[in-house]
Amino acid sequence: MNEAPPPYTQSLLLYAYQDSARALIATLHKRGHARIRPKHGAVFANLDKRGTRASVLAERAGMGRAAMGELIDDLERMGYVRRALDPADRRAKLIVATESALTVTRIVHEFNRDMEASYRRKLGNGPYESLRASLLAIAPRGRRQPRID
């Protein structure tokens, strides 16, 4: 009897991400943000405190401008972002977080802190630190994480 080969590392990373993403969305829904979907993370995760041009959001998220525009329109209709004039170029618009988006961001950070603590408890300090060091070694370099909180 042949055993199935173990899953690839990237599959394990995907499974872990999918599990945490489902838990995050469930948390957001329970906390009053029932219309937020995983796809909206492409905007929230890439938005700067003072606002960000849609083209920059699309580039950071690794997606097309049209698809990013649809997400922005969706979040604007729901009251999570607004468009504002870019003071550096009056012809351009910035996508700016509303207070509702800031609330979502605080919930996400709280969730992520809890997940980090959960990983540390499950693995123990040494393996947890080793996991983080390993992921930092293979993650793309130079990737900054915008913060709007």
C-alpha atoms as a PDB file:
ATOM      1  CA  MET A   1       0.000   0.000   0.000  1.00  0.00           C
ATOM      2  CA  ASN A   2       1.481   3.337  -1.085  1.00  0.00           C
ATOM      3  CA  GLU A   3       1.167   6.308   1.200  1.00  0.00           C
ATOM      4  CA  ALA A   4       0.380   9.682  -0.279  1.00  0.00           C
ATOM      5  CA  PRO A   5       3.439  11.899  -0.512  1.00  0.00           C
ATOM      6  CA  PRO A   6       3.604  14.679   2.076  1.00  0.00           C
ATOM      7  CA  PRO A   7       2.201  18.023   0.900  1.00  0.00           C
ATOM      8  CA  TYR A   8       4.543  20.576  -0.595  1.00  0.00           C
ATOM      9  CA  THR A   9       5.683  23.357   1.703  1.00  0.00           C
ATOM     10  CA  GLN A  10       3.814  25.982  -0.326  1.00  0.00           C
ATOM     11  CA  SER A  11       0.642  23.924   0.095  1.00  0.00           C
ATOM     12  CA  LEU A  12       1.128  23.847   3.861  1.00  0.00           C
ATOM     13  CA  LEU A  13       1.661  27.617   3.857  1.00  0.00           C
ATOM     14  CA  LEU A  14      -1.506  28.038   1.791  1.00  0.00           C
ATOM     15  CA  TYR A  15      -3.551  25.809   4.125  1.00  0.00           C
ATOM     16  CA  ALA A  16      -2.343  27.742   7.170  1.00  0.00           C
ATOM     17  CA  TYR A  17      -3.152  31.059   5.469  1.00  0.00           C
ATOM     18  CA  GLN A  18      -6.611  29.905   4.362  1.00  0.00           C
ATOM     19  CA  ASP A  19      -7.453  28.744   7.871  1.00  0.00           C
ATOM     20  CA  SER A  20      -6.396  32.044   9.418  1.00  0.00           C
ATOM     21  CA  ALA A  21      -8.180  34.051   6.695  1.00  0.00           C
ATOM     22  CA  ARG A  22     -11.447  32.200   7.366  1.00  0.00           C
ATOM     23  CA  ALA A  23     -11.068  32.831  11.098  1.00  0.00           C
ATOM     24  CA  LEU A  24     -10.313  36.520  10.506  1.00  0.00           C
ATOM     25  CA  ILE A  25     -13.374  37.014   8.300  1.00  0.00           C
ATOM     26  CA  ALA A  26     -15.542  35.228  10.881  1.00  0.00           C
ATOM     27  CA  THR A  27     -14.146  37.559  13.558  1.00  0.00           C
ATOM     28  CA  LEU A  28     -14.871  40.645  11.451  1.00  0.00           C
ATOM     29  CA  HIS A  29     -18.422  39.435  10.783  1.00  0.00           C
ATOM     30  CA  LYS A  30     -19.023  38.820  14.500  1.00  0.00           C
ATOM     31  CA  ARG A  31     -17.705  42.298  15.270  1.00  0.00           C
ATOM     32  CA  GLY A  32     -20.191  44.015  12.948  1.00  0.00           C
ATOM     33  CA  HIS A  33     -18.419  44.049   9.596  1.00  0.00           C
ATOM     34  CA  ALA A  34     -20.452  41.374   7.839  1.00  0.00           C
ATOM     35  CA  ARG A  35     -19.902  42.732   4.326  1.00  0.00           C
ATOM     36  CA  ILE A  36     -16.109  42.453   4.420  1.00  0.00           C
ATOM     37  CA  ARG A  37     -14.743  39.677   2.216  1.00  0.00           C
ATOM     38  CA  PRO A  38     -11.217  38.270   1.939  1.00  0.00           C
ATOM     39  CA  LYS A  39     -10.707  40.100  -1.357  1.00  0.00           C
ATOM     40  CA  HIS A  40     -11.027  43.450   0.456  1.00  0.00           C
ATOM     41  CA  GLY A  41      -7.754  42.708   2.214  1.00  0.00           C
ATOM     42  CA  ALA A  42      -5.963  43.789  -0.977  1.00  0.00           C
ATOM     43  CA  VAL A  43      -7.029  47.355  -0.181  1.00  0.00           C
ATOM     44  CA  PHE A  44      -6.791  47.320   3.615  1.00  0.00           C
ATOM     45  CA  ALA A  45      -3.331  45.694   3.635  1.00  0.00           C
ATOM     46  CA  ASN A  46      -1.847  48.224   1.220  1.00  0.00           C
ATOM     47  CA  LEU A  47      -3.379  51.509   2.331  1.00  0.00           C
ATOM     48  CA  ASP A  48      -1.116  54.176   3.847  1.00  0.00           C
ATOM     49  CA  LYS A  49      -2.144  56.349   6.770  1.00  0.00           C
ATOM     50  CA  ARG A  50      -2.489  59.510   4.635  1.00  0.00           C
ATOM     51  CA  GLY A  51      -4.065  57.706   1.704  1.00  0.00           C
ATOM     52  CA  THR A  52      -2.759  55.910  -1.363  1.00  0.00           C
ATOM     53  CA  ARG A  53      -3.327  56.246  -5.087  1.00  0.00           C
ATOM     54  CA  ALA A  54      -5.334  53.418  -6.630  1.00  0.00           C
ATOM     55  CA  SER A  55      -2.482  52.606  -9.027  1.00  0.00           C
ATOM     56  CA  VAL A  56      -0.114  52.146  -6.066  1.00  0.00           C
ATOM     57  CA  LEU A  57      -2.661  49.937  -4.285  1.00  0.00           C
ATOM     58  CA  ALA A  58      -2.954  47.777  -7.415  1.00  0.00           C
ATOM     59  CA  GLU A  59       0.823  47.502  -7.765  1.00  0.00           C
ATOM     60  CA  ARG A  60       1.329  46.593  -4.108  1.00  0.00           C
ATOM     61  CA  ALA A  61      -1.439  43.986  -4.266  1.00  0.00           C
ATOM     62  CA  GLY A  62      -0.096  42.525  -7.511  1.00  0.00           C
ATOM     63  CA  MET A  63      -3.343  43.026  -9.357  1.00  0.00           C
ATOM     64  CA  GLY A  64      -4.692  45.046 -12.270  1.00  0.00           C
ATOM     65  CA  ARG A  65      -5.947  48.592 -11.892  1.00  0.00           C
ATOM     66  CA  ALA A  66      -9.460  47.712 -13.027  1.00  0.00           C
ATOM     67  CA  ALA A  67      -9.810  44.945 -10.455  1.00  0.00           C
ATOM     68  CA  MET A  68      -8.455  47.249  -7.742  1.00  0.00           C
ATOM     69  CA  GLY A  69     -10.899  49.947  -8.868  1.00  0.00           C
ATOM     70  CA  GLU A  70     -13.784  47.526  -8.349  1.00  0.00           C
ATOM     71  CA  LEU A  71     -12.614  46.747  -4.805  1.00  0.00           C
ATOM     72  CA  ILE A  72     -12.244  50.455  -4.029  1.00  0.00           C
ATOM     73  CA  ASP A  73     -15.722  51.176  -5.421  1.00  0.00           C
ATOM     74  CA  ASP A  74     -17.122  48.346  -3.305  1.00  0.00           C
ATOM     75  CA  LEU A  75     -15.436  49.578  -0.115  1.00  0.00           C
ATOM     76  CA  GLU A  76     -16.445  53.171  -0.854  1.00  0.00           C
ATOM     77  CA  ARG A  77     -20.105  52.130  -1.188  1.00  0.00           C
ATOM     78  CA  MET A  78     -19.798  50.357   2.173  1.00  0.00           C
ATOM     79  CA  GLY A  79     -18.224  53.413   3.805  1.00  0.00           C
ATOM     80  CA  TYR A  80     -14.721  52.027   4.440  1.00  0.00           C
ATOM     81  CA  VAL A  81     -12.779  54.307   2.102  1.00  0.00           C
ATOM     82  CA  ARG A  82     -13.267  57.639   0.405  1.00  0.00           C
ATOM     83  CA  ARG A  83     -11.592  59.378  -2.492  1.00  0.00           C
ATOM     84  CA  ALA A  84      -9.786  62.646  -1.795  1.00  0.00           C
ATOM     85  CA  LEU A  85      -7.669  65.029  -3.861  1.00  0.00           C
ATOM     86  CA  ASP A  86      -3.956  64.267  -3.725  1.00  0.00           C
ATOM     87  CA  PRO A  87      -2.256  67.410  -2.374  1.00  0.00           C
ATOM     88  CA  ALA A  88       0.878  66.505  -4.380  1.00  0.00           C
ATOM     89  CA  ASP A  89      -1.082  66.402  -7.661  1.00  0.00           C
ATOM     90  CA  ARG A  90      -4.566  67.929  -7.754  1.00  0.00           C
ATOM     91  CA  ARG A  91      -5.432  65.822 -10.811  1.00  0.00           C
ATOM     92  CA  ALA A  92      -4.920  62.605  -8.857  1.00  0.00           C
ATOM     93  CA  LYS A  93      -7.059  61.004  -6.146  1.00  0.00           C
ATOM     94  CA  LEU A  94      -6.021  59.312  -2.953  1.00  0.00           C
ATOM     95  CA  ILE A  95      -7.912  56.417  -1.428  1.00  0.00           C
ATOM     96  CA  VAL A  96      -8.296  57.293   2.256  1.00  0.00           C
ATOM     97  CA  ALA A  97      -9.470  55.088   5.120  1.00  0.00           C
ATOM     98  CA  THR A  98     -12.608  56.146   6.979  1.00  0.00           C
ATOM     99  CA  GLU A  99     -13.140  55.601  10.704  1.00  0.00           C
ATOM    100  CA  SER A 100     -14.876  52.305   9.838  1.00  0.00           C
ATOM    101  CA  ALA A 101     -11.732  51.127   8.030  1.00  0.00           C
ATOM    102  CA  LEU A 102      -9.612  52.123  10.997  1.00  0.00           C
ATOM    103  CA  THR A 103     -11.898  50.042  13.215  1.00  0.00           C
ATOM    104  CA  VAL A 104     -11.479  47.055  10.876  1.00  0.00           C
ATOM    105  CA  THR A 105      -7.716  47.568  10.938  1.00  0.00           C
ATOM    106  CA  ARG A 106      -7.680  47.575  14.747  1.00  0.00           C
ATOM    107  CA  ILE A 107      -9.684  44.328  14.773  1.00  0.00           C
ATOM    108  CA  VAL A 108      -7.268  42.784  12.254  1.00  0.00           C
ATOM    109  CA  HIS A 109      -4.237  43.771  14.341  1.00  0.00           C
ATOM    110  CA  GLU A 110      -5.873  42.372  17.469  1.00  0.00           C
ATOM    111  CA  PHE A 111      -6.665  39.150  15.615  1.00  0.00           C
ATOM    112  CA  ASN A 112      -3.101  38.901  14.309  1.00  0.00           C
ATOM    113  CA  ARG A 113      -1.621  39.444  17.775  1.00  0.00           C
ATOM    114  CA  ASP A 114      -3.874  36.668  19.084  1.00  0.00           C
ATOM    115  CA  MET A 115      -2.812  34.365  16.217  1.00  0.00           C
ATOM    116  CA  GLU A 116       0.872  35.052  16.953  1.00  0.00           C
ATOM    117  CA  ALA A 117       0.288  34.151  20.609  1.00  0.00           C
ATOM    118  CA  SER A 118      -1.555  30.995  19.517  1.00  0.00           C
ATOM    119  CA  TYR A 119       1.328  29.948  17.259  1.00  0.00           C
ATOM    120  CA  ARG A 120       3.799  30.547  20.091  1.00  0.00           C
ATOM    121  CA  ARG A 121       1.674  28.443  22.476  1.00  0.00           C
ATOM    122  CA  LYS A 122       1.273  25.595  19.955  1.00  0.00           C
ATOM    123  CA  LEU A 123       4.924  25.484  18.923  1.00  0.00           C
ATOM    124  CA  GLY A 124       6.830  26.723  21.960  1.00  0.00           C
ATOM    125  CA  ASN A 125       9.217  29.683  21.943  1.00  0.00           C
ATOM    126  CA  GLY A 126      12.151  28.076  20.111  1.00  0.00           C
ATOM    127  CA  PRO A 127      10.214  26.513  17.240  1.00  0.00           C
ATOM    128  CA  TYR A 128       8.061  29.655  16.931  1.00  0.00           C
ATOM    129  CA  GLU A 129      11.154  31.880  16.593  1.00  0.00           C
ATOM    130  CA  SER A 130      12.658  29.382  14.146  1.00  0.00           C
ATOM    131  CA  LEU A 131       9.475  29.407  12.046  1.00  0.00           C
ATOM    132  CA  ARG A 132       9.499  33.197  11.906  1.00  0.00           C
ATOM    133  CA  ALA A 133      13.185  33.319  10.999  1.00  0.00           C
ATOM    134  CA  SER A 134      12.628  30.736   8.259  1.00  0.00           C
ATOM    135  CA  LEU A 135       9.664  32.597   6.800  1.00  0.00           C
ATOM    136  CA  LEU A 136      11.592  35.880   6.885  1.00  0.00           C
ATOM    137  CA  ALA A 137      14.423  34.155   5.010  1.00  0.00           C
ATOM    138  CA  ILE A 138      12.148  32.986   2.180  1.00  0.00           C
ATOM    139  CA  ALA A 139       9.712  35.927   2.045  1.00  0.00           C
ATOM    140  CA  PRO A 140      10.315  38.511  -0.694  1.00  0.00           C
ATOM    141  CA  ARG A 141      12.778  41.158   0.432  1.00  0.00           C
ATOM    142  CA  GLY A 142      11.894  44.827   0.554  1.00  0.00           C
ATOM    143  CA  ARG A 143       8.176  44.225   1.035  1.00  0.00           C
ATOM    144  CA  ARG A 144       6.908  46.953   3.289  1.00  0.00           C
ATOM    145  CA  GLN A 145       3.697  46.705   5.243  1.00  0.00           C
ATOM    146  CA  PRO A 146       1.698  49.955   5.185  1.00  0.00           C
ATOM    147  CA  ARG A 147      -0.032  50.854   8.414  1.00  0.00           C
ATOM    148  CA  ILE A 148      -3.144  53.011   8.765  1.00  0.00           C
ATOM    149  CA  ASP A 149      -3.669  52.504  12.476  1.00  0.00           C
END
